């Protein structure tokens, strides 16, 4: 039985975004939001989720259940 991993995506992997096809065949579980203490920054051309314990900010994204080949490819 393949190993499955719960994956939170928040940028180009979200549905309707340019890299969403990379999650084809995986299981979308729904929209999600981090708890407080996370902020998105632009890091070398990519969005980067950064933990900021003193912040009330949170990040909206999606939860996916992905198999090992997909996770490895990402």
PDB file of N, CA and C in Angstrom:
ATOM      1  N   UNK A   1       0.850  -1.183   0.000  1.00  0.00           N
ATOM      2  CA  UNK A   1       0.000   0.000   0.000  1.00  0.00           C
ATOM      3  C   UNK A   1       0.892   1.241   0.000  1.00  0.00           C
ATOM      4  N   UNK A   2       0.597   2.204  -0.900  1.00  0.00           N
ATOM      5  CA  UNK A   2       1.445   3.405  -0.975  1.00  0.00           C
ATOM      6  C   UNK A   2       1.306   4.276   0.268  1.00  0.00           C
ATOM      7  N   UNK A   3       2.387   4.924   0.609  1.00  0.00           N
ATOM      8  CA  UNK A   3       2.399   5.880   1.715  1.00  0.00           C
ATOM      9  C   UNK A   3       1.716   7.161   1.263  1.00  0.00           C
ATOM     10  N   UNK A   4       0.850   7.728   2.106  1.00  0.00           N
ATOM     11  CA  UNK A   4       0.173   8.986   1.796  1.00  0.00           C
ATOM     12  C   UNK A   4       0.592  10.046   2.808  1.00  0.00           C
ATOM     13  N   UNK A   5       0.697  11.277   2.340  1.00  0.00           N
ATOM     14  CA  UNK A   5       1.126  12.391   3.179  1.00  0.00           C
ATOM     15  C   UNK A   5       0.103  13.511   3.081  1.00  0.00           C
ATOM     16  N   UNK A   6      -0.238  14.093   4.219  1.00  0.00           N
ATOM     17  CA  UNK A   6      -1.107  15.260   4.257  1.00  0.00           C
ATOM     18  C   UNK A   6      -0.249  16.482   3.915  1.00  0.00           C
ATOM     19  N   UNK A   7      -0.658  17.234   2.893  1.00  0.00           N
ATOM     20  CA  UNK A   7       0.131  18.352   2.386  1.00  0.00           C
ATOM     21  C   UNK A   7      -0.710  19.628   2.384  1.00  0.00           C
ATOM     22  N   UNK A   8      -0.180  20.690   2.964  1.00  0.00           N
ATOM     23  CA  UNK A   8      -0.815  22.012   2.936  1.00  0.00           C
ATOM     24  C   UNK A   8      -0.143  22.817   1.839  1.00  0.00           C
ATOM     25  N   UNK A   9      -0.935  23.308   0.872  1.00  0.00           N
ATOM     26  CA  UNK A   9      -0.386  24.148  -0.197  1.00  0.00           C
ATOM     27  C   UNK A   9      -1.001  25.531  -0.101  1.00  0.00           C
ATOM     28  N   UNK A  10      -0.231  26.547  -0.480  1.00  0.00           N
ATOM     29  CA  UNK A  10      -0.671  27.922  -0.262  1.00  0.00           C
ATOM     30  C   UNK A  10      -0.353  28.856  -1.420  1.00  0.00           C
ATOM     31  N   UNK A  11       0.183  28.352  -2.489  1.00  0.00           N
ATOM     32  CA  UNK A  11       0.595  29.226  -3.591  1.00  0.00           C
ATOM     33  C   UNK A  11       0.196  28.661  -4.932  1.00  0.00           C
ATOM     34  N   UNK A  12       1.177  28.469  -5.778  1.00  0.00           N
ATOM     35  CA  UNK A  12       0.922  28.068  -7.162  1.00  0.00           C
ATOM     36  C   UNK A  12       0.370  26.657  -7.296  1.00  0.00           C
ATOM     37  N   UNK A  13       0.407  25.858  -6.241  1.00  0.00           N
ATOM     38  CA  UNK A  13      -0.158  24.500  -6.290  1.00  0.00           C
ATOM     39  C   UNK A  13      -1.663  24.480  -6.016  1.00  0.00           C
ATOM     40  N   UNK A  14      -2.214  25.594  -5.548  1.00  0.00           N
ATOM     41  CA  UNK A  14      -3.652  25.639  -5.270  1.00  0.00           C
ATOM     42  C   UNK A  14      -4.455  25.495  -6.566  1.00  0.00           C
ATOM     43  N   UNK A  15      -5.679  24.994  -6.437  1.00  0.00           N
ATOM     44  CA  UNK A  15      -6.560  24.837  -7.579  1.00  0.00           C
ATOM     45  C   UNK A  15      -6.693  26.158  -8.324  1.00  0.00           C
ATOM     46  N   UNK A  16      -6.618  26.074  -9.660  1.00  0.00           N
ATOM     47  CA  UNK A  16      -6.733  27.260 -10.497  1.00  0.00           C
ATOM     48  C   UNK A  16      -5.442  28.030 -10.688  1.00  0.00           C
ATOM     49  N   UNK A  17      -4.378  27.641  -9.996  1.00  0.00           N
ATOM     50  CA  UNK A  17      -3.091  28.323 -10.123  1.00  0.00           C
ATOM     51  C   UNK A  17      -2.207  27.596 -11.139  1.00  0.00           C
ATOM     52  N   UNK A  18      -1.095  28.193 -11.511  1.00  0.00           N
ATOM     53  CA  UNK A  18      -0.290  27.697 -12.636  1.00  0.00           C
ATOM     54  C   UNK A  18       0.327  26.317 -12.428  1.00  0.00           C
ATOM     55  N   UNK A  19       0.572  25.891 -11.206  1.00  0.00           N
ATOM     56  CA  UNK A  19       1.201  24.586 -10.969  1.00  0.00           C
ATOM     57  C   UNK A  19       0.215  23.551 -10.410  1.00  0.00           C
ATOM     58  N   UNK A  20      -1.065  23.858 -10.442  1.00  0.00           N
ATOM     59  CA  UNK A  20      -2.077  22.956  -9.868  1.00  0.00           C
ATOM     60  C   UNK A  20      -2.069  21.578 -10.520  1.00  0.00           C
ATOM     61  N   UNK A  21      -1.712  21.489 -11.781  1.00  0.00           N
ATOM     62  CA  UNK A  21      -1.693  20.201 -12.483  1.00  0.00           C
ATOM     63  C   UNK A  21      -0.707  19.220 -11.861  1.00  0.00           C
ATOM     64  N   UNK A  22       0.249  19.716 -11.113  1.00  0.00           N
ATOM     65  CA  UNK A  22       1.219  18.822 -10.463  1.00  0.00           C
ATOM     66  C   UNK A  22       0.571  17.965  -9.384  1.00  0.00           C
ATOM     67  N   UNK A  23      -0.660  18.328  -8.971  1.00  0.00           N
ATOM     68  CA  UNK A  23      -1.396  17.541  -7.974  1.00  0.00           C
ATOM     69  C   UNK A  23      -2.477  16.669  -8.621  1.00  0.00           C
ATOM     70  N   UNK A  24      -2.446  16.551  -9.953  1.00  0.00           N
ATOM     71  CA  UNK A  24      -3.427  15.721 -10.659  1.00  0.00           C
ATOM     72  C   UNK A  24      -3.376  14.293 -10.124  1.00  0.00           C
ATOM     73  N   UNK A  25      -4.544  13.716  -9.884  1.00  0.00           N
ATOM     74  CA  UNK A  25      -4.621  12.346  -9.391  1.00  0.00           C
ATOM     75  C   UNK A  25      -4.516  12.218  -7.886  1.00  0.00           C
ATOM     76  N   UNK A  26      -4.270  13.339  -7.197  1.00  0.00           N
ATOM     77  CA  UNK A  26      -4.175  13.322  -5.739  1.00  0.00           C
ATOM     78  C   UNK A  26      -5.535  13.709  -5.155  1.00  0.00           C
ATOM     79  N   UNK A  27      -5.692  13.549  -3.860  1.00  0.00           N
ATOM     80  CA  UNK A  27      -7.000  13.797  -3.241  1.00  0.00           C
ATOM     81  C   UNK A  27      -7.046  15.157  -2.550  1.00  0.00           C
ATOM     82  N   UNK A  28      -7.924  16.036  -3.063  1.00  0.00           N
ATOM     83  CA  UNK A  28      -8.151  17.342  -2.459  1.00  0.00           C
ATOM     84  C   UNK A  28      -9.070  17.155  -1.264  1.00  0.00           C
ATOM     85  N   UNK A  29      -8.670  17.653  -0.103  1.00  0.00           N
ATOM     86  CA  UNK A  29      -9.468  17.495   1.113  1.00  0.00           C
ATOM     87  C   UNK A  29     -10.268  18.748   1.445  1.00  0.00           C
ATOM     88  N   UNK A  30      -9.868  19.890   0.916  1.00  0.00           N
ATOM     89  CA  UNK A  30     -10.625  21.114   1.150  1.00  0.00           C
ATOM     90  C   UNK A  30      -9.740  22.308   1.437  1.00  0.00           C
ATOM     91  N   UNK A  31     -10.414  23.428   1.590  1.00  0.00           N
ATOM     92  CA  UNK A  31      -9.720  24.663   1.946  1.00  0.00           C
ATOM     93  C   UNK A  31      -9.287  24.595   3.405  1.00  0.00           C
ATOM     94  N   UNK A  32      -8.217  25.323   3.708  1.00  0.00           N
ATOM     95  CA  UNK A  32      -7.681  25.298   5.068  1.00  0.00           C
ATOM     96  C   UNK A  32      -6.996  26.622   5.364  1.00  0.00           C
ATOM     97  N   UNK A  33      -6.728  26.845   6.622  1.00  0.00           N
ATOM     98  CA  UNK A  33      -6.010  28.046   7.070  1.00  0.00           C
ATOM     99  C   UNK A  33      -5.092  27.622   8.210  1.00  0.00           C
ATOM    100  N   UNK A  34      -3.880  28.146   8.202  1.00  0.00           N
ATOM    101  CA  UNK A  34      -2.986  27.872   9.320  1.00  0.00           C
ATOM    102  C   UNK A  34      -3.536  28.538  10.575  1.00  0.00           C
ATOM    103  N   UNK A  35      -3.032  28.152  11.692  1.00  0.00           N
ATOM    104  CA  UNK A  35      -3.301  28.886  12.913  1.00  0.00           C
ATOM    105  C   UNK A  35      -2.531  30.185  12.879  1.00  0.00           C
ATOM    106  N   UNK A  36      -2.706  31.029  13.872  1.00  0.00           N
ATOM    107  CA  UNK A  36      -1.941  32.279  13.912  1.00  0.00           C
ATOM    108  C   UNK A  36      -0.442  31.996  14.052  1.00  0.00           C
ATOM    109  N   UNK A  37       0.343  32.932  13.569  1.00  0.00           N
ATOM    110  CA  UNK A  37       1.787  32.810  13.708  1.00  0.00           C
ATOM    111  C   UNK A  37       2.493  32.400  12.432  1.00  0.00           C
ATOM    112  N   UNK A  38       1.824  32.543  11.273  1.00  0.00           N
ATOM    113  CA  UNK A  38       2.441  32.220   9.982  1.00  0.00           C
ATOM    114  C   UNK A  38       2.205  33.358   9.009  1.00  0.00           C
ATOM    115  N   UNK A  39       3.234  33.699   8.221  1.00  0.00           N
ATOM    116  CA  UNK A  39       3.168  34.789   7.247  1.00  0.00           C
ATOM    117  C   UNK A  39       3.804  34.315   5.949  1.00  0.00           C
ATOM    118  N   UNK A  40       3.293  34.813   4.813  1.00  0.00           N
ATOM    119  CA  UNK A  40       3.897  34.527   3.516  1.00  0.00           C
ATOM    120  C   UNK A  40       4.828  35.661   3.121  1.00  0.00           C
ATOM    121  N   UNK A  41       6.008  35.303   2.632  1.00  0.00           N
ATOM    122  CA  UNK A  41       6.973  36.258   2.104  1.00  0.00           C
ATOM    123  C   UNK A  41       7.379  35.811   0.717  1.00  0.00           C
ATOM    124  N   UNK A  42       7.805  36.738  -0.115  1.00  0.00           N
ATOM    125  CA  UNK A  42       8.350  36.405  -1.419  1.00  0.00           C
ATOM    126  C   UNK A  42       9.827  36.077  -1.214  1.00  0.00           C
ATOM    127  N   UNK A  43      10.199  34.823  -1.457  1.00  0.00           N
ATOM    128  CA  UNK A  43      11.569  34.364  -1.234  1.00  0.00           C
ATOM    129  C   UNK A  43      12.160  33.882  -2.552  1.00  0.00           C
ATOM    130  N   UNK A  44      13.053  34.642  -3.131  1.00  0.00           N
ATOM    131  CA  UNK A  44      13.698  34.279  -4.400  1.00  0.00           C
ATOM    132  C   UNK A  44      12.688  33.897  -5.477  1.00  0.00           C
ATOM    133  N   UNK A  45      11.609  34.656  -5.593  1.00  0.00           N
ATOM    134  CA  UNK A  45      10.630  34.415  -6.638  1.00  0.00           C
ATOM    135  C   UNK A  45       9.532  33.434  -6.279  1.00  0.00           C
ATOM    136  N   UNK A  46       9.581  32.866  -5.085  1.00  0.00           N
ATOM    137  CA  UNK A  46       8.570  31.907  -4.645  1.00  0.00           C
ATOM    138  C   UNK A  46       7.982  32.368  -3.313  1.00  0.00           C
ATOM    139  N   UNK A  47       6.695  32.060  -3.103  1.00  0.00           N
ATOM    140  CA  UNK A  47       6.128  32.379  -1.794  1.00  0.00           C
ATOM    141  C   UNK A  47       6.684  31.426  -0.751  1.00  0.00           C
ATOM    142  N   UNK A  48       7.069  31.949   0.384  1.00  0.00           N
ATOM    143  CA  UNK A  48       7.609  31.126   1.459  1.00  0.00           C
ATOM    144  C   UNK A  48       6.820  31.332   2.736  1.00  0.00           C
ATOM    145  N   UNK A  49       6.365  30.262   3.320  1.00  0.00           N
ATOM    146  CA  UNK A  49       5.631  30.305   4.581  1.00  0.00           C
ATOM    147  C   UNK A  49       6.641  30.362   5.715  1.00  0.00           C
ATOM    148  N   UNK A  50       6.541  31.386   6.535  1.00  0.00           N
ATOM    149  CA  UNK A  50       7.507  31.600   7.617  1.00  0.00           C
ATOM    150  C   UNK A  50       6.769  31.635   8.942  1.00  0.00           C
ATOM    151  N   UNK A  51       7.285  30.908   9.910  1.00  0.00           N
ATOM    152  CA  UNK A  51       6.707  30.887  11.260  1.00  0.00           C
ATOM    153  C   UNK A  51       7.114  32.155  11.984  1.00  0.00           C
ATOM    154  N   UNK A  52       6.127  32.877  12.506  1.00  0.00           N
ATOM    155  CA  UNK A  52       6.360  34.087  13.284  1.00  0.00           C
ATOM    156  C   UNK A  52       5.504  33.993  14.544  1.00  0.00           C
ATOM    157  N   UNK A  53       6.020  33.382  15.588  1.00  0.00           N
ATOM    158  CA  UNK A  53       5.228  33.084  16.786  1.00  0.00           C
ATOM    159  C   UNK A  53       4.507  34.279  17.398  1.00  0.00           C
ATOM    160  N   UNK A  54       5.030  35.483  17.238  1.00  0.00           N
ATOM    161  CA  UNK A  54       4.404  36.661  17.847  1.00  0.00           C
ATOM    162  C   UNK A  54       3.365  37.332  16.951  1.00  0.00           C
ATOM    163  N   UNK A  55       3.109  36.756  15.784  1.00  0.00           N
ATOM    164  CA  UNK A  55       2.170  37.342  14.826  1.00  0.00           C
ATOM    165  C   UNK A  55       0.786  36.709  14.955  1.00  0.00           C
ATOM    166  N   UNK A  56      -0.231  37.510  14.681  1.00  0.00           N
ATOM    167  CA  UNK A  56      -1.597  36.990  14.628  1.00  0.00           C
ATOM    168  C   UNK A  56      -1.974  36.557  13.216  1.00  0.00           C
ATOM    169  N   UNK A  57      -1.084  36.752  12.253  1.00  0.00           N
ATOM    170  CA  UNK A  57      -1.375  36.441  10.850  1.00  0.00           C
ATOM    171  C   UNK A  57      -1.522  34.942  10.643  1.00  0.00           C
ATOM    172  N   UNK A  58      -2.309  34.581   9.628  1.00  0.00           N
ATOM    173  CA  UNK A  58      -2.457  33.185   9.222  1.00  0.00           C
ATOM    174  C   UNK A  58      -2.455  33.138   7.700  1.00  0.00           C
ATOM    175  N   UNK A  59      -2.335  31.945   7.139  1.00  0.00           N
ATOM    176  CA  UNK A  59      -2.233  31.777   5.690  1.00  0.00           C
ATOM    177  C   UNK A  59      -3.347  30.852   5.221  1.00  0.00           C
ATOM    178  N   UNK A  60      -4.034  31.267   4.171  1.00  0.00           N
ATOM    179  CA  UNK A  60      -5.099  30.461   3.568  1.00  0.00           C
ATOM    180  C   UNK A  60      -4.488  29.548   2.519  1.00  0.00           C
ATOM    181  N   UNK A  61      -4.933  28.302   2.491  1.00  0.00           N
ATOM    182  CA  UNK A  61      -4.438  27.352   1.507  1.00  0.00           C
ATOM    183  C   UNK A  61      -5.403  26.204   1.318  1.00  0.00           C
ATOM    184  N   UNK A  62      -4.866  25.068   0.923  1.00  0.00           N
ATOM    185  CA  UNK A  62      -5.655  23.865   0.684  1.00  0.00           C
ATOM    186  C   UNK A  62      -4.935  22.670   1.292  1.00  0.00           C
ATOM    187  N   UNK A  63      -5.713  21.670   1.675  1.00  0.00           N
ATOM    188  CA  UNK A  63      -5.157  20.405   2.158  1.00  0.00           C
ATOM    189  C   UNK A  63      -5.332  19.332   1.096  1.00  0.00           C
ATOM    190  N   UNK A  64      -4.277  18.588   0.873  1.00  0.00           N
ATOM    191  CA  UNK A  64      -4.263  17.498  -0.096  1.00  0.00           C
ATOM    192  C   UNK A  64      -3.687  16.251   0.553  1.00  0.00           C
ATOM    193  N   UNK A  65      -4.125  15.107   0.105  1.00  0.00           N
ATOM    194  CA  UNK A  65      -3.542  13.832   0.478  1.00  0.00           C
ATOM    195  C   UNK A  65      -2.783  13.352  -0.751  1.00  0.00           C
ATOM    196  N   UNK A  66      -1.463  13.277  -0.649  1.00  0.00           N
ATOM    197  CA  UNK A  66      -0.629  12.962  -1.815  1.00  0.00           C
ATOM    198  C   UNK A  66       0.164  11.683  -1.586  1.00  0.00           C
ATOM    199  N   UNK A  67       0.420  10.956  -2.684  1.00  0.00           N
ATOM    200  CA  UNK A  67       1.211   9.734  -2.593  1.00  0.00           C
ATOM    201  C   UNK A  67       2.706  10.065  -2.702  1.00  0.00           C
ATOM    202  N   UNK A  68       3.542   9.073  -2.416  1.00  0.00           N
ATOM    203  CA  UNK A  68       4.993   9.282  -2.415  1.00  0.00           C
ATOM    204  C   UNK A  68       5.541   9.777  -3.746  1.00  0.00           C
ATOM    205  N   UNK A  69       5.127   9.206  -4.898  1.00  0.00           N
ATOM    206  CA  UNK A  69       5.674   9.715  -6.156  1.00  0.00           C
ATOM    207  C   UNK A  69       5.367  11.205  -6.375  1.00  0.00           C
ATOM    208  N   UNK A  70       4.166  11.629  -6.033  1.00  0.00           N
ATOM    209  CA  UNK A  70       3.807  13.041  -6.176  1.00  0.00           C
ATOM    210  C   UNK A  70       4.638  13.888  -5.229  1.00  0.00           C
ATOM    211  N   UNK A  71       4.744  13.469  -3.969  1.00  0.00           N
ATOM    212  CA  UNK A  71       5.509  14.238  -2.993  1.00  0.00           C
ATOM    213  C   UNK A  71       6.963  14.358  -3.420  1.00  0.00           C
ATOM    214  N   UNK A  72       7.524  13.267  -3.915  1.00  0.00           N
ATOM    215  CA  UNK A  72       8.919  13.279  -4.387  1.00  0.00           C
ATOM    216  C   UNK A  72       9.077  14.243  -5.565  1.00  0.00           C
ATOM    217  N   UNK A  73       8.110  14.261  -6.477  1.00  0.00           N
ATOM    218  CA  UNK A  73       8.184  15.135  -7.647  1.00  0.00           C
ATOM    219  C   UNK A  73       8.079  16.607  -7.256  1.00  0.00           C
ATOM    220  N   UNK A  74       7.333  16.877  -6.197  1.00  0.00           N
ATOM    221  CA  UNK A  74       7.198  18.266  -5.766  1.00  0.00           C
ATOM    222  C   UNK A  74       8.490  18.762  -5.141  1.00  0.00           C
TER     223      UNK A  74
END
